[in-house]
Amino acid sequence: MLTELPILTPEAGDLLARAMFPDPERIARTLEAYRTAPERRVFVWLEGGRVVSAAGLRIQGAEVEVLHLATRPGEKGRGHARALLHALAEHLNAARLVAETDDGAVGFYRRAGFEVTPAPPRGGRARYRVTLHRGEREEAGC
């Protein structure tokens, strides 16, 4: 079940931190931005009343950028993050859901129905821009 958090909880913050560069100061700054920046929002996916996946977003008009996405280690592979992303697109009436990712997660986004295009490398690593075109997918019968 999709739930928006009006206030970033420690549980959701810990989960989102798993998707961040492992620098404590950088994580603290990023979590503070989720607490204070109006364009940043946090949604979670609940199963049995328990947070199993979390997404940190930046909302810019009809486009929603997924900045951080994480699933509890014991819950991976069960479709929670995919369900969260698709529910977000519908709930926010987003024309597009976009993210930038790396080799480790590009397959997940591709399986979740996102279009994948190369992005400029960062830190010597390949990067990808992934886009879910919600309206176009629905019109195509997806």
Protein backbone atom coordinates (compact mmCIF):
# COMPACT_ATOMS: atom_id res chain seq x y z
CA MET A 1 0.00 0.00 0.00
CA LEU A 2 1.32 3.43 -1.02
CA THR A 3 1.68 5.96 1.79
CA GLU A 4 3.13 9.47 1.76
CA LEU A 5 5.07 10.45 4.84
CA PRO A 6 4.28 14.02 5.91
CA ILE A 7 7.36 13.85 8.14
CA LEU A 8 10.44 11.76 7.36
CA THR A 9 10.50 8.95 9.93
CA PRO A 10 13.74 7.39 11.21
CA GLU A 11 12.70 4.07 9.65
CA ALA A 12 12.18 5.61 6.19
CA GLY A 13 15.35 7.72 6.55
CA ASP A 14 17.42 4.64 7.37
CA LEU A 15 15.97 2.83 4.37
CA LEU A 16 16.59 5.76 1.98
CA ALA A 17 20.16 6.10 3.30
CA ARG A 18 20.82 2.60 1.89
CA ALA A 19 20.39 4.12 -1.60
CA MET A 20 22.82 6.99 -0.98
CA PHE A 21 26.55 7.43 -1.40
CA PRO A 22 28.00 6.13 1.89
CA ASP A 23 29.18 9.43 3.33
CA PRO A 24 27.55 10.27 6.71
CA GLU A 25 27.67 14.04 6.16
CA ARG A 26 26.20 13.76 2.68
CA ILE A 27 23.47 11.42 3.92
CA ALA A 28 22.59 13.86 6.73
CA ARG A 29 22.34 16.77 4.25
CA THR A 30 20.18 14.74 1.88
CA LEU A 31 17.82 13.56 4.62
CA GLU A 32 17.54 17.15 5.86
CA ALA A 33 16.51 18.20 2.33
CA TYR A 34 13.70 15.61 2.49
CA ARG A 35 12.57 17.23 5.74
CA THR A 36 12.68 20.84 4.54
CA ALA A 37 12.52 21.24 0.75
CA PRO A 38 8.90 21.53 -0.46
CA GLU A 39 9.64 19.86 -3.81
CA ARG A 40 11.05 16.78 -2.08
CA ARG A 41 8.68 14.12 -0.82
CA VAL A 42 8.97 10.64 0.63
CA PHE A 43 6.62 7.75 -0.06
CA VAL A 44 6.73 4.25 1.33
CA TRP A 45 5.22 0.91 0.40
CA LEU A 46 3.64 -0.92 3.31
CA GLU A 47 3.03 -4.65 3.63
CA GLY A 48 1.23 -5.77 6.76
CA GLY A 49 1.66 -2.27 8.23
CA ARG A 50 5.46 -2.49 7.86
CA VAL A 51 7.60 -0.26 5.62
CA VAL A 52 9.21 -2.53 3.02
CA SER A 53 10.26 -0.01 0.37
CA ALA A 54 10.80 3.76 0.23
CA ALA A 55 11.21 6.36 -2.50
CA GLY A 56 12.57 9.88 -2.17
CA LEU A 57 11.32 12.18 -4.92
CA ARG A 58 11.74 15.62 -6.41
CA ILE A 59 8.52 16.80 -8.04
CA GLN A 60 8.74 19.28 -10.90
CA GLY A 61 5.34 19.81 -12.50
CA ALA A 62 4.20 16.67 -14.33
CA GLU A 63 7.66 15.10 -14.08
CA VAL A 64 8.64 13.20 -10.97
CA GLU A 65 12.31 12.42 -10.37
CA VAL A 66 13.14 9.40 -8.24
CA LEU A 67 16.23 10.46 -6.30
CA HIS A 68 16.45 7.46 -3.98
CA LEU A 69 14.75 4.07 -3.98
CA ALA A 70 15.39 1.27 -1.51
CA THR A 71 13.84 -1.97 -0.34
CA ARG A 72 14.54 -3.82 2.88
CA PRO A 73 17.14 -6.54 2.21
CA GLY A 74 14.81 -9.36 3.29
CA GLU A 75 12.06 -8.02 1.01
CA LYS A 76 14.02 -7.66 -2.24
CA GLY A 77 12.73 -9.43 -5.33
CA ARG A 78 9.10 -9.42 -4.19
CA GLY A 79 7.94 -6.54 -6.41
CA HIS A 80 7.55 -3.92 -3.68
CA ALA A 81 9.73 -1.23 -5.33
CA ARG A 82 8.10 -1.80 -8.72
CA ALA A 83 4.64 -1.54 -7.17
CA LEU A 84 5.73 1.61 -5.32
CA LEU A 85 6.96 3.29 -8.52
CA HIS A 86 3.85 2.48 -10.54
CA ALA A 87 1.55 3.53 -7.68
CA LEU A 88 3.49 6.81 -7.39
CA ALA A 89 3.09 7.58 -11.07
CA GLU A 90 -0.65 7.04 -10.81
CA HIS A 91 -1.12 8.78 -7.44
CA LEU A 92 0.82 11.87 -8.54
CA ASN A 93 -0.69 11.80 -12.03
CA ALA A 94 2.86 12.02 -13.34
CA ALA A 95 3.31 12.07 -17.10
CA ARG A 96 6.87 10.85 -16.52
CA LEU A 97 8.77 9.19 -13.72
CA VAL A 98 12.54 9.60 -14.24
CA ALA A 99 15.70 8.55 -12.45
CA GLU A 100 19.40 8.24 -13.03
CA THR A 101 20.96 4.92 -12.15
CA ASP A 102 23.98 2.66 -12.60
CA ASP A 103 24.75 -0.84 -13.82
CA GLY A 104 23.57 -2.33 -10.52
CA ALA A 105 19.97 -1.11 -10.86
CA VAL A 106 19.38 -0.53 -14.57
CA GLY A 107 18.00 -4.05 -15.02
CA PHE A 108 15.43 -3.47 -12.27
CA TYR A 109 14.16 -0.31 -13.97
CA ARG A 110 14.07 -2.03 -17.38
CA ARG A 111 12.01 -4.93 -15.93
CA ALA A 112 9.72 -2.37 -14.27
CA GLY A 113 8.84 -0.91 -17.69
CA PHE A 114 11.21 2.07 -17.81
CA GLU A 115 12.89 3.17 -21.03
CA VAL A 116 16.68 3.17 -20.61
CA THR A 117 19.04 5.62 -22.31
CA PRO A 118 22.74 6.25 -21.64
CA ALA A 119 23.66 9.21 -19.43
CA PRO A 120 27.06 10.83 -19.02
CA PRO A 121 29.40 8.65 -16.93
CA ARG A 122 30.17 9.77 -13.39
CA GLY A 123 33.20 8.76 -11.37
CA GLY A 124 34.35 6.54 -14.22
CA ARG A 125 31.13 4.50 -14.07
CA ALA A 126 28.38 4.05 -16.63
CA ARG A 127 25.13 5.88 -15.84
CA TYR A 128 21.66 5.58 -17.30
CA ARG A 129 18.59 7.79 -17.46
CA VAL A 130 15.46 5.75 -16.99
CA THR A 131 11.98 7.02 -17.82
CA LEU A 132 8.51 5.65 -17.28
CA HIS A 133 6.15 7.34 -19.73
CA ARG A 134 2.93 6.69 -17.87
CA GLY A 135 0.39 8.13 -20.30
CA GLU A 136 2.04 6.60 -23.35
CA ARG A 137 2.27 3.17 -21.71
CA GLU A 138 -1.41 3.28 -20.74
CA GLU A 139 -2.44 4.33 -24.25
CA ALA A 140 -0.38 1.49 -25.72
CA GLY A 141 -2.27 -0.94 -23.49
CA CYS A 142 0.65 -1.70 -21.19
